[in-house]
Amino acid sequence: MSAPGTAPDEGRPDEDRPDDDVLAALEAQFAADAGSPDDGHASGDADAPGDDDAPADEEPLTLASAQPRPTRALVLTQVAAAAPLAAACALAQVDADVVPTPEGALAVLRDPTAGGAGAAAISQLLRTAPVVLFERRASQISAQQWVGGAVQKDVEEPGLLLAYAPSQLEDLLVAEADVSGFDGVVSSVGMSRFKAMAVLARAGRRRPRG
């Protein structure tokens, strides 16, 4: 399995890379009401993992320090549908299963240790649209906001951010649910460059709902 990441520009024909029209088609799929993925309002109980009232015999989920290797890595985006994000991941050589959510498509990386490379590649394709990388290491959760291929900031309270996130994210990150149990999943694995470009071109012809 190839490690997710961006492919070098040298030695690749121009037609193999998405042009500005295709990238604009991807941007057209951004969720209509999306702000930054770390913005929002709680839709229910605001209690988040890591609260002080956690049972004494359970280790709360806390901001990760450099300790264990990640066991799960997910990238939350503002892309409204799973297929365009999966196509973008295929173009960026990121192996991921993309889960649709009401807040934007969520890329579950096949290699959880390559979260930084995956977030860099995805955010570079999305250009100015921020994404959030969530990683789980044992009982610890970390989150970073990425823009244009670079880390913009570390999220100081990922547990609080998780409380505002779509339920699919919590199920995948905290409960470590299997991605196959979700509806509408689209994988970038095995998607050809030709098919990925076609998916994005189709997406660009669809007018987002205003």
C-alpha atoms as a PDB file:
ATOM      1  CA  MET A   1       0.000   0.000   0.000  1.00  0.00           C
ATOM      2  CA  SER A   2       1.475   3.303  -0.956  1.00  0.00           C
ATOM      3  CA  ALA A   3       1.849   5.945   1.731  1.00  0.00           C
ATOM      4  CA  PRO A   4      -0.589   8.832   1.256  1.00  0.00           C
ATOM      5  CA  GLY A   5       0.947  12.082   0.135  1.00  0.00           C
ATOM      6  CA  THR A   6       1.442  14.413  -2.748  1.00  0.00           C
ATOM      7  CA  ALA A   7       3.242  13.187  -5.806  1.00  0.00           C
ATOM      8  CA  PRO A   8       6.236  15.153  -7.093  1.00  0.00           C
ATOM      9  CA  ASP A   9       5.593  17.499  -9.999  1.00  0.00           C
ATOM     10  CA  GLU A  10       8.672  16.518 -11.999  1.00  0.00           C
ATOM     11  CA  GLY A  11       8.389  13.922 -14.677  1.00  0.00           C
ATOM     12  CA  ARG A  12       4.597  13.925 -14.862  1.00  0.00           C
ATOM     13  CA  PRO A  13       2.722  15.144 -17.949  1.00  0.00           C
ATOM     14  CA  ASP A  14       0.553  18.193 -17.403  1.00  0.00           C
ATOM     15  CA  GLU A  15      -2.546  16.272 -18.401  1.00  0.00           C
ATOM     16  CA  ASP A  16      -2.043  13.952 -15.427  1.00  0.00           C
ATOM     17  CA  ARG A  17      -2.522  16.803 -12.985  1.00  0.00           C
ATOM     18  CA  PRO A  18      -5.837  18.524 -12.236  1.00  0.00           C
ATOM     19  CA  ASP A  19      -6.035  21.933 -13.911  1.00  0.00           C
ATOM     20  CA  ASP A  20      -7.658  25.021 -12.435  1.00  0.00           C
ATOM     21  CA  ASP A  21     -11.039  24.163 -13.971  1.00  0.00           C
ATOM     22  CA  VAL A  22     -11.078  20.774 -12.251  1.00  0.00           C
ATOM     23  CA  LEU A  23      -9.951  22.262  -8.939  1.00  0.00           C
ATOM     24  CA  ALA A  24     -12.718  24.843  -9.298  1.00  0.00           C
ATOM     25  CA  ALA A  25     -15.153  21.971  -9.800  1.00  0.00           C
ATOM     26  CA  LEU A  26     -13.975  20.465  -6.531  1.00  0.00           C
ATOM     27  CA  GLU A  27     -14.338  23.798  -4.763  1.00  0.00           C
ATOM     28  CA  ALA A  28     -17.894  24.041  -6.120  1.00  0.00           C
ATOM     29  CA  GLN A  29     -18.718  20.978  -4.041  1.00  0.00           C
ATOM     30  CA  PHE A  30     -17.958  22.723  -0.743  1.00  0.00           C
ATOM     31  CA  ALA A  31     -20.858  22.449   1.665  1.00  0.00           C
ATOM     32  CA  ALA A  32     -23.048  25.512   1.201  1.00  0.00           C
ATOM     33  CA  ASP A  33     -23.159  26.435   4.865  1.00  0.00           C
ATOM     34  CA  ALA A  34     -19.573  25.509   5.673  1.00  0.00           C
ATOM     35  CA  GLY A  35     -17.261  27.826   7.543  1.00  0.00           C
ATOM     36  CA  SER A  36     -14.003  26.547   8.927  1.00  0.00           C
ATOM     37  CA  PRO A  37     -14.387  22.906   9.976  1.00  0.00           C
ATOM     38  CA  ASP A  38     -13.622  23.888  13.560  1.00  0.00           C
ATOM     39  CA  ASP A  39     -16.427  26.457  13.632  1.00  0.00           C
ATOM     40  CA  GLY A  40     -19.961  25.517  14.618  1.00  0.00           C
ATOM     41  CA  HIS A  41     -22.489  25.086  17.386  1.00  0.00           C
ATOM     42  CA  ALA A  42     -23.263  22.061  19.482  1.00  0.00           C
ATOM     43  CA  SER A  43     -26.350  20.186  18.370  1.00  0.00           C
ATOM     44  CA  GLY A  44     -26.748  18.303  21.590  1.00  0.00           C
ATOM     45  CA  ASP A  45     -24.935  17.517  24.809  1.00  0.00           C
ATOM     46  CA  ALA A  46     -21.733  19.556  24.851  1.00  0.00           C
ATOM     47  CA  ASP A  47     -19.919  17.029  27.021  1.00  0.00           C
ATOM     48  CA  ALA A  48     -16.776  15.945  25.200  1.00  0.00           C
ATOM     49  CA  PRO A  49     -14.243  13.194  25.851  1.00  0.00           C
ATOM     50  CA  GLY A  50     -11.792  14.343  28.467  1.00  0.00           C
ATOM     51  CA  ASP A  51     -14.339  16.035  30.767  1.00  0.00           C
ATOM     52  CA  ASP A  52     -13.430  16.147  34.451  1.00  0.00           C
ATOM     53  CA  ASP A  53     -16.387  13.901  35.342  1.00  0.00           C
ATOM     54  CA  ALA A  54     -14.941  10.904  33.446  1.00  0.00           C
ATOM     55  CA  PRO A  55     -14.933   7.727  35.570  1.00  0.00           C
ATOM     56  CA  ALA A  56     -11.786   7.385  37.647  1.00  0.00           C
ATOM     57  CA  ASP A  57     -11.000   3.954  36.179  1.00  0.00           C
ATOM     58  CA  GLU A  58     -11.078   5.266  32.577  1.00  0.00           C
ATOM     59  CA  GLU A  59      -8.308   7.285  30.987  1.00  0.00           C
ATOM     60  CA  PRO A  60      -9.864  10.381  29.362  1.00  0.00           C
ATOM     61  CA  LEU A  61      -9.145  11.288  25.750  1.00  0.00           C
ATOM     62  CA  THR A  62      -6.620  14.125  25.858  1.00  0.00           C
ATOM     63  CA  LEU A  63      -4.509  16.183  23.508  1.00  0.00           C
ATOM     64  CA  ALA A  64      -1.844  13.867  22.173  1.00  0.00           C
ATOM     65  CA  SER A  65       1.803  14.373  22.911  1.00  0.00           C
ATOM     66  CA  ALA A  66       4.463  12.572  20.884  1.00  0.00           C
ATOM     67  CA  GLN A  67       3.896   9.088  22.268  1.00  0.00           C
ATOM     68  CA  PRO A  68       2.233   6.116  20.558  1.00  0.00           C
ATOM     69  CA  ARG A  69       1.789   5.774  16.811  1.00  0.00           C
ATOM     70  CA  PRO A  70      -1.625   6.825  15.478  1.00  0.00           C
ATOM     71  CA  THR A  71      -4.177   4.044  15.131  1.00  0.00           C
ATOM     72  CA  ARG A  72      -6.658   6.165  13.173  1.00  0.00           C
ATOM     73  CA  ALA A  73      -6.359   9.334  11.082  1.00  0.00           C
ATOM     74  CA  LEU A  74      -9.262  11.241   9.531  1.00  0.00           C
ATOM     75  CA  VAL A  75      -9.463  14.465   7.540  1.00  0.00           C
ATOM     76  CA  LEU A  76     -12.685  16.479   7.874  1.00  0.00           C
ATOM     77  CA  THR A  77     -13.350  18.712   4.867  1.00  0.00           C
ATOM     78  CA  GLN A  78     -15.995  21.105   3.574  1.00  0.00           C
ATOM     79  CA  VAL A  79     -16.543  19.104   0.370  1.00  0.00           C
ATOM     80  CA  ALA A  80     -20.262  18.385   0.211  1.00  0.00           C
ATOM     81  CA  ALA A  81     -20.138  14.910  -1.372  1.00  0.00           C
ATOM     82  CA  ALA A  82     -17.984  11.820  -0.929  1.00  0.00           C
ATOM     83  CA  ALA A  83     -17.196  11.111  -4.599  1.00  0.00           C
ATOM     84  CA  PRO A  84     -15.409  14.409  -5.401  1.00  0.00           C
ATOM     85  CA  LEU A  85     -13.256  14.128  -2.279  1.00  0.00           C
ATOM     86  CA  ALA A  86     -12.405  10.503  -3.091  1.00  0.00           C
ATOM     87  CA  ALA A  87     -11.430  11.650  -6.593  1.00  0.00           C
ATOM     88  CA  ALA A  88      -9.221  14.381  -5.132  1.00  0.00           C
ATOM     89  CA  CYS A  89      -7.586  11.810  -2.850  1.00  0.00           C
ATOM     90  CA  ALA A  90      -6.945   9.548  -5.845  1.00  0.00           C
ATOM     91  CA  LEU A  91      -5.279  12.412  -7.736  1.00  0.00           C
ATOM     92  CA  ALA A  92      -3.164  13.207  -4.661  1.00  0.00           C
ATOM     93  CA  GLN A  93      -2.275   9.517  -4.204  1.00  0.00           C
ATOM     94  CA  VAL A  94      -3.948   9.410  -0.802  1.00  0.00           C
ATOM     95  CA  ASP A  95      -5.448   6.008   0.025  1.00  0.00           C
ATOM     96  CA  ALA A  96      -8.669   6.821   1.857  1.00  0.00           C
ATOM     97  CA  ASP A  97     -12.275   5.771   2.325  1.00  0.00           C
ATOM     98  CA  VAL A  98     -14.510   8.836   2.188  1.00  0.00           C
ATOM     99  CA  VAL A  99     -17.607   9.003   4.394  1.00  0.00           C
ATOM    100  CA  PRO A 100     -20.304  11.608   3.651  1.00  0.00           C
ATOM    101  CA  THR A 101     -21.494  13.696   6.614  1.00  0.00           C
ATOM    102  CA  PRO A 102     -23.858  16.688   6.922  1.00  0.00           C
ATOM    103  CA  GLU A 103     -20.864  18.932   7.679  1.00  0.00           C
ATOM    104  CA  GLY A 104     -18.688  17.792   4.767  1.00  0.00           C
ATOM    105  CA  ALA A 105     -16.998  14.654   3.489  1.00  0.00           C
ATOM    106  CA  LEU A 106     -14.629  12.849   5.850  1.00  0.00           C
ATOM    107  CA  ALA A 107     -11.542  11.019   4.543  1.00  0.00           C
ATOM    108  CA  VAL A 108     -10.542   7.990   6.631  1.00  0.00           C
ATOM    109  CA  LEU A 109      -6.911   7.314   5.759  1.00  0.00           C
ATOM    110  CA  ARG A 110      -5.950   3.698   5.083  1.00  0.00           C
ATOM    111  CA  ASP A 111      -2.537   4.364   6.658  1.00  0.00           C
ATOM    112  CA  PRO A 112      -3.175   6.005  10.039  1.00  0.00           C
ATOM    113  CA  THR A 113       0.520   6.843  10.455  1.00  0.00           C
ATOM    114  CA  ALA A 114       0.477   9.090   7.375  1.00  0.00           C
ATOM    115  CA  GLY A 115      -2.042  11.645   8.624  1.00  0.00           C
ATOM    116  CA  GLY A 116       0.227  14.640   8.074  1.00  0.00           C
ATOM    117  CA  ALA A 117       1.020  13.665   4.497  1.00  0.00           C
ATOM    118  CA  GLY A 118      -2.646  12.985   3.776  1.00  0.00           C
ATOM    119  CA  ALA A 119      -3.841  16.268   5.279  1.00  0.00           C
ATOM    120  CA  ALA A 120      -1.137  18.165   3.390  1.00  0.00           C
ATOM    121  CA  ALA A 121      -2.104  16.596   0.059  1.00  0.00           C
ATOM    122  CA  ILE A 122      -5.851  17.084   0.534  1.00  0.00           C
ATOM    123  CA  SER A 123      -5.584  20.667   1.807  1.00  0.00           C
ATOM    124  CA  GLN A 124      -3.230  21.551  -1.036  1.00  0.00           C
ATOM    125  CA  LEU A 125      -5.828  20.415  -3.573  1.00  0.00           C
ATOM    126  CA  LEU A 126      -8.559  22.326  -1.732  1.00  0.00           C
ATOM    127  CA  ARG A 127      -6.303  25.398  -1.750  1.00  0.00           C
ATOM    128  CA  THR A 128      -7.801  28.033   0.587  1.00  0.00           C
ATOM    129  CA  ALA A 129     -10.439  25.809   2.201  1.00  0.00           C
ATOM    130  CA  PRO A 130      -9.345  24.630   5.664  1.00  0.00           C
ATOM    131  CA  VAL A 131      -9.477  20.979   6.683  1.00  0.00           C
ATOM    132  CA  VAL A 132      -9.006  19.380  10.093  1.00  0.00           C
ATOM    133  CA  LEU A 133      -6.805  16.343  10.676  1.00  0.00           C
ATOM    134  CA  PHE A 134      -7.902  14.175  13.615  1.00  0.00           C
ATOM    135  CA  GLU A 135      -5.586  11.459  14.925  1.00  0.00           C
ATOM    136  CA  ARG A 136      -6.068   8.880  17.651  1.00  0.00           C
ATOM    137  CA  ARG A 137      -3.112   7.489  19.568  1.00  0.00           C
ATOM    138  CA  ALA A 138      -4.231   4.922  22.145  1.00  0.00           C
ATOM    139  CA  SER A 139      -6.663   6.928  24.317  1.00  0.00           C
ATOM    140  CA  GLN A 140      -5.434  10.312  23.085  1.00  0.00           C
ATOM    141  CA  ILE A 141      -6.993  12.526  20.418  1.00  0.00           C
ATOM    142  CA  SER A 142      -5.202  15.313  18.556  1.00  0.00           C
ATOM    143  CA  ALA A 143      -6.460  17.754  15.934  1.00  0.00           C
ATOM    144  CA  GLN A 144      -4.759  20.178  13.559  1.00  0.00           C
ATOM    145  CA  GLN A 145      -6.187  22.665  11.079  1.00  0.00           C
ATOM    146  CA  TRP A 146      -4.488  22.619   7.665  1.00  0.00           C
ATOM    147  CA  VAL A 147      -4.734  25.141   4.818  1.00  0.00           C
ATOM    148  CA  GLY A 148      -2.998  24.985   1.441  1.00  0.00           C
ATOM    149  CA  GLY A 149      -0.768  22.059   2.346  1.00  0.00           C
ATOM    150  CA  ALA A 150       0.507  23.414   5.671  1.00  0.00           C
ATOM    151  CA  VAL A 151      -0.496  23.289   9.328  1.00  0.00           C
ATOM    152  CA  GLN A 152      -2.331  26.473  10.276  1.00  0.00           C
ATOM    153  CA  LYS A 153      -2.789  25.701  13.951  1.00  0.00           C
ATOM    154  CA  ASP A 154      -3.018  22.955  16.536  1.00  0.00           C
ATOM    155  CA  VAL A 155      -6.437  22.580  18.129  1.00  0.00           C
ATOM    156  CA  GLU A 156      -5.910  22.988  21.861  1.00  0.00           C
ATOM    157  CA  GLU A 157      -9.101  21.208  22.949  1.00  0.00           C
ATOM    158  CA  PRO A 158      -9.839  18.469  20.404  1.00  0.00           C
ATOM    159  CA  GLY A 159     -12.412  16.894  22.706  1.00  0.00           C
ATOM    160  CA  LEU A 160     -14.460  20.102  22.629  1.00  0.00           C
ATOM    161  CA  LEU A 161     -14.151  20.286  18.850  1.00  0.00           C
ATOM    162  CA  LEU A 162     -15.301  16.680  18.646  1.00  0.00           C
ATOM    163  CA  ALA A 163     -18.515  17.655  20.442  1.00  0.00           C
ATOM    164  CA  TYR A 164     -19.358  20.002  17.550  1.00  0.00           C
ATOM    165  CA  ALA A 165     -18.379  17.528  14.835  1.00  0.00           C
ATOM    166  CA  PRO A 166     -20.708  15.200  12.900  1.00  0.00           C
ATOM    167  CA  SER A 167     -21.615  11.948  14.651  1.00  0.00           C
ATOM    168  CA  GLN A 168     -19.798   9.920  12.001  1.00  0.00           C
ATOM    169  CA  LEU A 169     -16.515  11.456  13.115  1.00  0.00           C
ATOM    170  CA  GLU A 170     -17.047  10.498  16.736  1.00  0.00           C
ATOM    171  CA  ASP A 171     -18.079   6.970  15.759  1.00  0.00           C
ATOM    172  CA  LEU A 172     -14.967   6.509  13.625  1.00  0.00           C
ATOM    173  CA  LEU A 173     -12.496   8.218  15.931  1.00  0.00           C
ATOM    174  CA  VAL A 174     -13.696   7.389  19.437  1.00  0.00           C
ATOM    175  CA  ALA A 175     -15.637   4.158  18.957  1.00  0.00           C
ATOM    176  CA  GLU A 176     -13.273   3.124  16.132  1.00  0.00           C
ATOM    177  CA  ALA A 177     -16.218   1.928  14.062  1.00  0.00           C
ATOM    178  CA  ASP A 178     -15.467   0.116  10.811  1.00  0.00           C
ATOM    179  CA  VAL A 179     -15.838   2.374   7.789  1.00  0.00           C
ATOM    180  CA  SER A 180     -17.756  -0.358   5.960  1.00  0.00           C
ATOM    181  CA  GLY A 181     -20.688   0.196   8.324  1.00  0.00           C
ATOM    182  CA  PHE A 182     -21.475   3.651   6.897  1.00  0.00           C
ATOM    183  CA  ASP A 183     -23.682   4.455   3.911  1.00  0.00           C
ATOM    184  CA  GLY A 184     -22.391   6.213   0.817  1.00  0.00           C
ATOM    185  CA  VAL A 185     -18.695   5.467   1.336  1.00  0.00           C
ATOM    186  CA  VAL A 186     -16.480   6.059  -1.716  1.00  0.00           C
ATOM    187  CA  SER A 187     -12.877   4.820  -1.791  1.00  0.00           C
ATOM    188  CA  SER A 188      -9.956   6.436  -3.581  1.00  0.00           C
ATOM    189  CA  VAL A 189      -8.158   3.091  -3.599  1.00  0.00           C
ATOM    190  CA  GLY A 190      -8.153   1.643  -7.103  1.00  0.00           C
ATOM    191  CA  MET A 191      -9.698   4.771  -8.647  1.00  0.00           C
ATOM    192  CA  SER A 192      -7.832   5.569 -11.857  1.00  0.00           C
ATOM    193  CA  ARG A 193      -6.625   9.065 -12.646  1.00  0.00           C
ATOM    194  CA  PHE A 194      -8.961   9.134 -15.655  1.00  0.00           C
ATOM    195  CA  LYS A 195     -11.975   8.222 -13.512  1.00  0.00           C
ATOM    196  CA  ALA A 196     -11.000  10.744 -10.831  1.00  0.00           C
ATOM    197  CA  MET A 197     -10.799  13.538 -13.401  1.00  0.00           C
ATOM    198  CA  ALA A 198     -14.165  12.464 -14.843  1.00  0.00           C
ATOM    199  CA  VAL A 199     -15.787  12.500 -11.378  1.00  0.00           C
ATOM    200  CA  LEU A 200     -14.525  16.025 -10.735  1.00  0.00           C
ATOM    201  CA  ALA A 201     -15.572  17.205 -14.191  1.00  0.00           C
ATOM    202  CA  ARG A 202     -19.092  15.845 -13.574  1.00  0.00           C
ATOM    203  CA  ALA A 203     -19.189  17.501 -10.175  1.00  0.00           C
ATOM    204  CA  GLY A 204     -18.239  20.812 -11.764  1.00  0.00           C
ATOM    205  CA  ARG A 205     -21.220  20.658 -14.112  1.00  0.00           C
ATOM    206  CA  ARG A 206     -23.613  20.357 -11.190  1.00  0.00           C
ATOM    207  CA  ARG A 207     -24.720  23.645  -9.726  1.00  0.00           C
ATOM    208  CA  PRO A 208     -24.546  23.619  -5.920  1.00  0.00           C
ATOM    209  CA  ARG A 209     -27.831  24.409  -4.245  1.00  0.00           C
ATOM    210  CA  GLY A 210     -28.030  27.988  -3.142  1.00  0.00           C
END
